[in-house]
C-alpha cells in the first residue's frame, strides 16, 4: 500500500518544536484562549496582511463561523458541492441552514 501522506516524515524536522509547544500549553493550562492562541492569531494577521484573525478548534468551526459572519440564518439554502468532506454540509446544517447539493464539472471540479 502506498500512503497518501507520510506524516511521520513531515513532522520529523519540527517534532521537537511541536512537542515543546504542546508541553508549554499543558504546563500553563492554556487550553482555551491562552497566550499561544493570541500569538497564533497575531502571526496569521501579519502573514495574511489582514486586520483580524480568529483561531478556532477545527475546520468545521471555521466554516460555521464564516457562514454566521455572512449572515446565513436558519432556513437559508447554502450551495454545497456534493464532492466534499461531510463537515461542509454539517457546518451548514449546524446553524439551521439547508445544504443545497450541486454537482461539479468533472473537468474543472467547479459547480
N, C-alpha and C. Protein backbone atom coordinates (compact mmCIF):
# COMPACT_ATOMS: atom_id res chain seq x y z
N UNK A 1 0.84 -1.18 0.00
CA UNK A 1 0.00 0.00 0.00
C UNK A 1 0.89 1.25 0.00
N UNK A 2 0.52 2.21 -0.81
CA UNK A 2 1.24 3.48 -0.86
C UNK A 2 0.45 4.50 -0.04
N UNK A 3 1.05 5.04 1.01
CA UNK A 3 0.31 6.00 1.84
C UNK A 3 0.09 7.33 1.09
N UNK A 4 -1.01 7.99 1.40
CA UNK A 4 -1.31 9.28 0.79
C UNK A 4 -0.30 10.32 1.27
N UNK A 5 0.01 10.28 2.55
CA UNK A 5 0.95 11.24 3.13
C UNK A 5 1.76 10.54 4.21
N UNK A 6 3.02 10.84 4.28
CA UNK A 6 3.89 10.29 5.32
C UNK A 6 4.01 11.34 6.42
N UNK A 7 3.07 11.31 7.36
CA UNK A 7 3.02 12.33 8.40
C UNK A 7 4.23 12.27 9.33
N UNK A 8 4.75 11.07 9.58
CA UNK A 8 5.94 10.96 10.43
C UNK A 8 7.13 11.66 9.79
N UNK A 9 7.26 11.50 8.48
CA UNK A 9 8.36 12.16 7.77
C UNK A 9 8.16 13.67 7.75
N UNK A 10 6.91 14.11 7.59
CA UNK A 10 6.63 15.54 7.54
C UNK A 10 6.91 16.23 8.88
N UNK A 11 6.58 15.56 9.97
CA UNK A 11 6.73 16.18 11.28
C UNK A 11 8.15 16.07 11.84
N UNK A 12 8.93 15.14 11.34
CA UNK A 12 10.26 14.87 11.89
C UNK A 12 11.13 16.12 12.04
N UNK A 13 11.24 17.00 11.04
CA UNK A 13 12.13 18.15 11.18
C UNK A 13 11.69 19.16 12.25
N UNK A 14 10.39 19.16 12.58
CA UNK A 14 9.89 20.14 13.56
C UNK A 14 9.31 19.48 14.80
N UNK A 15 9.56 18.19 14.96
CA UNK A 15 8.98 17.41 16.06
C UNK A 15 9.32 18.00 17.43
N UNK A 16 10.56 18.35 17.66
CA UNK A 16 10.98 18.87 18.96
C UNK A 16 10.26 20.20 19.27
N UNK A 17 10.15 21.05 18.28
CA UNK A 17 9.47 22.34 18.46
C UNK A 17 7.99 22.14 18.79
N UNK A 18 7.35 21.22 18.08
CA UNK A 18 5.94 20.94 18.33
C UNK A 18 5.74 20.35 19.71
N UNK A 19 6.55 19.36 20.07
CA UNK A 19 6.44 18.74 21.39
C UNK A 19 6.63 19.77 22.50
N UNK A 20 7.58 20.68 22.31
CA UNK A 20 7.84 21.72 23.30
C UNK A 20 6.65 22.66 23.43
N UNK A 21 6.06 23.04 22.30
CA UNK A 21 4.90 23.94 22.32
C UNK A 21 3.71 23.28 23.00
N UNK A 22 3.49 22.02 22.71
CA UNK A 22 2.39 21.29 23.36
C UNK A 22 2.63 21.20 24.86
N UNK A 23 3.85 20.90 25.25
CA UNK A 23 4.19 20.80 26.67
C UNK A 23 3.98 22.14 27.37
N UNK A 24 4.33 23.25 26.72
CA UNK A 24 4.11 24.57 27.31
C UNK A 24 2.62 24.82 27.57
N UNK A 25 1.78 24.48 26.61
CA UNK A 25 0.34 24.67 26.77
C UNK A 25 -0.17 23.82 27.94
N UNK A 26 0.26 22.58 28.01
CA UNK A 26 -0.17 21.69 29.09
C UNK A 26 0.32 22.21 30.44
N UNK A 27 1.56 22.60 30.51
CA UNK A 27 2.12 23.10 31.78
C UNK A 27 1.44 24.38 32.25
N UNK A 28 1.06 25.25 31.30
CA UNK A 28 0.43 26.52 31.66
C UNK A 28 -1.09 26.43 31.72
N UNK A 29 -1.63 25.27 31.38
CA UNK A 29 -3.08 25.03 31.29
C UNK A 29 -3.80 26.09 30.45
N UNK A 30 -3.17 26.50 29.35
CA UNK A 30 -3.76 27.47 28.43
C UNK A 30 -4.48 26.75 27.31
N UNK A 31 -5.46 25.94 27.66
CA UNK A 31 -6.13 25.13 26.66
C UNK A 31 -7.08 25.94 25.77
N UNK A 32 -7.67 26.99 26.35
CA UNK A 32 -8.64 27.81 25.61
C UNK A 32 -8.25 29.28 25.78
N UNK A 33 -8.10 29.98 24.66
CA UNK A 33 -7.83 31.42 24.65
C UNK A 33 -6.59 31.80 25.44
N UNK A 34 -5.59 30.98 25.38
CA UNK A 34 -4.34 31.29 26.08
C UNK A 34 -3.42 32.15 25.24
N UNK A 35 -2.24 32.36 25.79
CA UNK A 35 -1.21 33.19 25.14
C UNK A 35 -0.89 32.66 23.75
N UNK A 36 -0.82 31.36 23.61
CA UNK A 36 -0.47 30.76 22.32
C UNK A 36 -1.51 31.06 21.25
N UNK A 37 -2.78 31.09 21.63
CA UNK A 37 -3.83 31.40 20.66
C UNK A 37 -3.69 32.85 20.19
N UNK A 38 -3.45 33.75 21.13
CA UNK A 38 -3.26 35.17 20.76
C UNK A 38 -2.06 35.33 19.85
N UNK A 39 -0.97 34.65 20.16
CA UNK A 39 0.23 34.72 19.31
C UNK A 39 -0.06 34.18 17.92
N UNK A 40 -0.79 33.07 17.86
CA UNK A 40 -1.16 32.47 16.57
C UNK A 40 -2.00 33.46 15.75
N UNK A 41 -3.01 34.05 16.38
CA UNK A 41 -3.87 35.00 15.67
C UNK A 41 -3.07 36.20 15.17
N UNK A 42 -2.16 36.70 15.97
CA UNK A 42 -1.32 37.82 15.54
C UNK A 42 -0.43 37.44 14.37
N UNK A 43 0.17 36.26 14.42
CA UNK A 43 1.02 35.81 13.32
C UNK A 43 0.22 35.64 12.03
N UNK A 44 -0.99 35.11 12.15
CA UNK A 44 -1.84 34.92 10.96
C UNK A 44 -2.23 36.25 10.35
N UNK A 45 -2.57 37.26 11.19
CA UNK A 45 -2.93 38.57 10.64
C UNK A 45 -1.76 39.16 9.87
N UNK A 46 -0.56 38.99 10.38
CA UNK A 46 0.62 39.51 9.68
C UNK A 46 0.87 38.74 8.39
N UNK A 47 0.80 37.42 8.47
CA UNK A 47 1.06 36.58 7.31
C UNK A 47 0.05 36.85 6.19
N UNK A 48 -1.23 37.01 6.55
CA UNK A 48 -2.28 37.23 5.55
C UNK A 48 -2.51 38.70 5.24
N UNK A 49 -1.79 39.57 5.94
CA UNK A 49 -1.93 41.02 5.75
C UNK A 49 -3.38 41.47 5.91
N UNK A 50 -3.98 41.02 7.02
CA UNK A 50 -5.35 41.40 7.36
C UNK A 50 -5.37 42.00 8.75
N UNK A 51 -6.47 42.64 9.08
CA UNK A 51 -6.56 43.31 10.37
C UNK A 51 -6.91 42.35 11.51
N UNK A 52 -7.73 41.34 11.21
CA UNK A 52 -8.21 40.43 12.25
C UNK A 52 -8.07 38.98 11.83
N UNK A 53 -7.90 38.11 12.81
CA UNK A 53 -7.92 36.66 12.61
C UNK A 53 -8.46 36.03 13.89
N UNK A 54 -9.22 34.97 13.73
CA UNK A 54 -9.77 34.26 14.88
C UNK A 54 -9.37 32.80 14.78
N UNK A 55 -8.68 32.32 15.79
CA UNK A 55 -8.33 30.91 15.84
C UNK A 55 -9.52 30.09 16.32
N UNK A 56 -9.82 29.02 15.63
CA UNK A 56 -10.90 28.11 16.04
C UNK A 56 -10.34 26.71 16.17
N UNK A 57 -11.14 25.82 16.74
CA UNK A 57 -10.62 24.50 17.07
C UNK A 57 -10.50 23.55 15.89
N UNK A 58 -11.23 23.81 14.80
CA UNK A 58 -11.18 22.89 13.67
C UNK A 58 -11.79 23.53 12.43
N UNK A 59 -11.69 22.85 11.31
CA UNK A 59 -12.20 23.38 10.06
C UNK A 59 -13.70 23.52 10.03
N UNK A 60 -14.42 22.62 10.69
CA UNK A 60 -15.88 22.70 10.75
C UNK A 60 -16.30 24.00 11.44
N UNK A 61 -15.65 24.31 12.56
CA UNK A 61 -15.96 25.55 13.26
C UNK A 61 -15.60 26.76 12.40
N UNK A 62 -14.54 26.66 11.61
CA UNK A 62 -14.16 27.76 10.72
C UNK A 62 -15.25 28.00 9.67
N UNK A 63 -15.77 26.94 9.08
CA UNK A 63 -16.85 27.07 8.10
C UNK A 63 -18.09 27.66 8.76
N UNK A 64 -18.42 27.14 9.93
CA UNK A 64 -19.59 27.62 10.68
C UNK A 64 -19.47 29.12 10.98
N UNK A 65 -18.32 29.54 11.46
CA UNK A 65 -18.09 30.94 11.78
C UNK A 65 -18.20 31.82 10.52
N UNK A 66 -17.66 31.34 9.41
CA UNK A 66 -17.75 32.08 8.15
C UNK A 66 -19.20 32.24 7.71
N UNK A 67 -19.99 31.19 7.86
CA UNK A 67 -21.41 31.27 7.49
C UNK A 67 -22.15 32.28 8.36
N UNK A 68 -21.87 32.26 9.66
CA UNK A 68 -22.51 33.22 10.56
C UNK A 68 -22.08 34.65 10.24
N UNK A 69 -20.79 34.82 9.91
CA UNK A 69 -20.29 36.16 9.56
C UNK A 69 -20.95 36.68 8.29
N UNK A 70 -21.34 35.78 7.41
CA UNK A 70 -22.02 36.17 6.17
C UNK A 70 -23.51 36.42 6.37
N UNK A 71 -23.99 36.17 7.58
CA UNK A 71 -25.40 36.41 7.87
C UNK A 71 -26.32 35.28 7.47
N UNK A 72 -25.78 34.09 7.25
CA UNK A 72 -26.60 32.93 6.91
C UNK A 72 -27.42 32.57 8.15
N UNK A 73 -28.74 32.37 7.94
CA UNK A 73 -29.64 32.10 9.06
C UNK A 73 -30.36 30.77 8.89
N UNK A 74 -31.07 30.39 9.93
CA UNK A 74 -31.87 29.17 9.91
C UNK A 74 -32.83 29.22 8.73
N UNK A 75 -32.88 28.14 7.98
CA UNK A 75 -33.77 28.04 6.83
C UNK A 75 -33.17 28.52 5.51
N UNK A 76 -32.05 29.24 5.57
CA UNK A 76 -31.39 29.68 4.33
C UNK A 76 -30.80 28.49 3.60
N UNK A 77 -30.88 28.50 2.28
CA UNK A 77 -30.22 27.49 1.48
C UNK A 77 -28.79 27.91 1.19
N UNK A 78 -27.87 26.97 1.32
CA UNK A 78 -26.45 27.26 1.06
C UNK A 78 -25.94 26.23 0.06
N UNK A 79 -25.46 26.72 -1.08
CA UNK A 79 -24.93 25.82 -2.11
C UNK A 79 -23.72 25.09 -1.56
N UNK A 80 -23.72 23.79 -1.77
CA UNK A 80 -22.67 22.92 -1.23
C UNK A 80 -22.33 21.86 -2.27
N UNK A 81 -21.07 21.73 -2.63
CA UNK A 81 -20.74 20.69 -3.62
C UNK A 81 -20.97 19.29 -3.04
N UNK A 82 -21.39 18.39 -3.90
CA UNK A 82 -21.57 17.01 -3.44
C UNK A 82 -20.21 16.34 -3.24
N UNK A 83 -19.22 16.82 -3.94
CA UNK A 83 -17.87 16.26 -3.87
C UNK A 83 -17.08 17.05 -2.82
N UNK A 84 -17.30 16.73 -1.55
CA UNK A 84 -16.69 17.46 -0.45
C UNK A 84 -16.61 16.57 0.78
N UNK A 85 -15.96 17.08 1.79
CA UNK A 85 -15.91 16.40 3.09
C UNK A 85 -17.24 16.63 3.80
N UNK A 86 -17.71 15.67 4.58
CA UNK A 86 -19.04 15.80 5.19
C UNK A 86 -19.18 16.99 6.13
N UNK A 87 -18.07 17.52 6.65
CA UNK A 87 -18.14 18.67 7.56
C UNK A 87 -18.68 19.91 6.87
N UNK A 88 -18.55 20.01 5.55
CA UNK A 88 -19.06 21.17 4.84
C UNK A 88 -20.57 21.26 5.02
N UNK A 89 -21.28 20.19 4.72
CA UNK A 89 -22.73 20.17 4.90
C UNK A 89 -23.09 20.18 6.39
N UNK A 90 -22.28 19.54 7.20
CA UNK A 90 -22.54 19.51 8.64
C UNK A 90 -22.49 20.89 9.25
N UNK A 91 -21.55 21.71 8.83
CA UNK A 91 -21.44 23.08 9.34
C UNK A 91 -22.66 23.89 8.93
N UNK A 92 -23.11 23.69 7.71
CA UNK A 92 -24.30 24.40 7.22
C UNK A 92 -25.51 24.00 8.07
N UNK A 93 -25.71 22.70 8.23
CA UNK A 93 -26.85 22.19 9.00
C UNK A 93 -26.77 22.59 10.47
N UNK A 94 -25.57 22.73 11.01
CA UNK A 94 -25.43 23.02 12.44
C UNK A 94 -25.96 24.41 12.82
N UNK A 95 -26.09 25.31 11.85
CA UNK A 95 -26.66 26.63 12.15
C UNK A 95 -28.11 26.71 11.70
N UNK A 96 -28.67 25.58 11.27
CA UNK A 96 -30.07 25.53 10.86
C UNK A 96 -30.30 25.87 9.41
N UNK A 97 -29.23 26.11 8.67
CA UNK A 97 -29.38 26.36 7.23
C UNK A 97 -29.52 25.02 6.50
N UNK A 98 -29.84 25.10 5.24
CA UNK A 98 -30.10 23.88 4.46
C UNK A 98 -29.04 23.72 3.38
N UNK A 99 -28.28 22.63 3.44
CA UNK A 99 -27.31 22.38 2.36
C UNK A 99 -28.06 22.10 1.05
N UNK A 100 -27.68 22.81 0.01
CA UNK A 100 -28.26 22.58 -1.31
C UNK A 100 -27.13 21.98 -2.15
N UNK A 101 -27.20 20.68 -2.34
CA UNK A 101 -26.12 19.98 -3.02
C UNK A 101 -26.19 20.21 -4.53
N UNK A 102 -25.04 20.50 -5.09
CA UNK A 102 -24.91 20.67 -6.54
C UNK A 102 -23.77 19.79 -7.02
N UNK A 103 -23.89 19.35 -8.24
CA UNK A 103 -22.82 18.51 -8.80
C UNK A 103 -21.71 19.39 -9.34
N UNK A 104 -20.63 18.76 -9.69
CA UNK A 104 -19.47 19.50 -10.20
C UNK A 104 -19.17 19.11 -11.64
N UNK A 105 -18.47 19.99 -12.31
CA UNK A 105 -17.97 19.68 -13.64
C UNK A 105 -16.75 18.77 -13.43
N UNK A 106 -16.76 17.59 -14.01
CA UNK A 106 -15.64 16.65 -13.76
C UNK A 106 -14.29 17.12 -14.29
N UNK A 107 -14.29 18.09 -15.20
CA UNK A 107 -13.02 18.60 -15.73
C UNK A 107 -12.43 19.71 -14.88
N UNK A 108 -13.31 20.54 -14.27
CA UNK A 108 -12.81 21.69 -13.51
C UNK A 108 -13.04 21.57 -12.02
N UNK A 109 -13.91 20.65 -11.60
CA UNK A 109 -14.32 20.49 -10.21
C UNK A 109 -15.08 21.70 -9.69
N UNK A 110 -15.53 22.59 -10.57
CA UNK A 110 -16.37 23.72 -10.18
C UNK A 110 -17.82 23.33 -10.28
N UNK A 111 -18.68 24.02 -9.54
CA UNK A 111 -20.10 23.69 -9.57
C UNK A 111 -20.74 24.15 -10.86
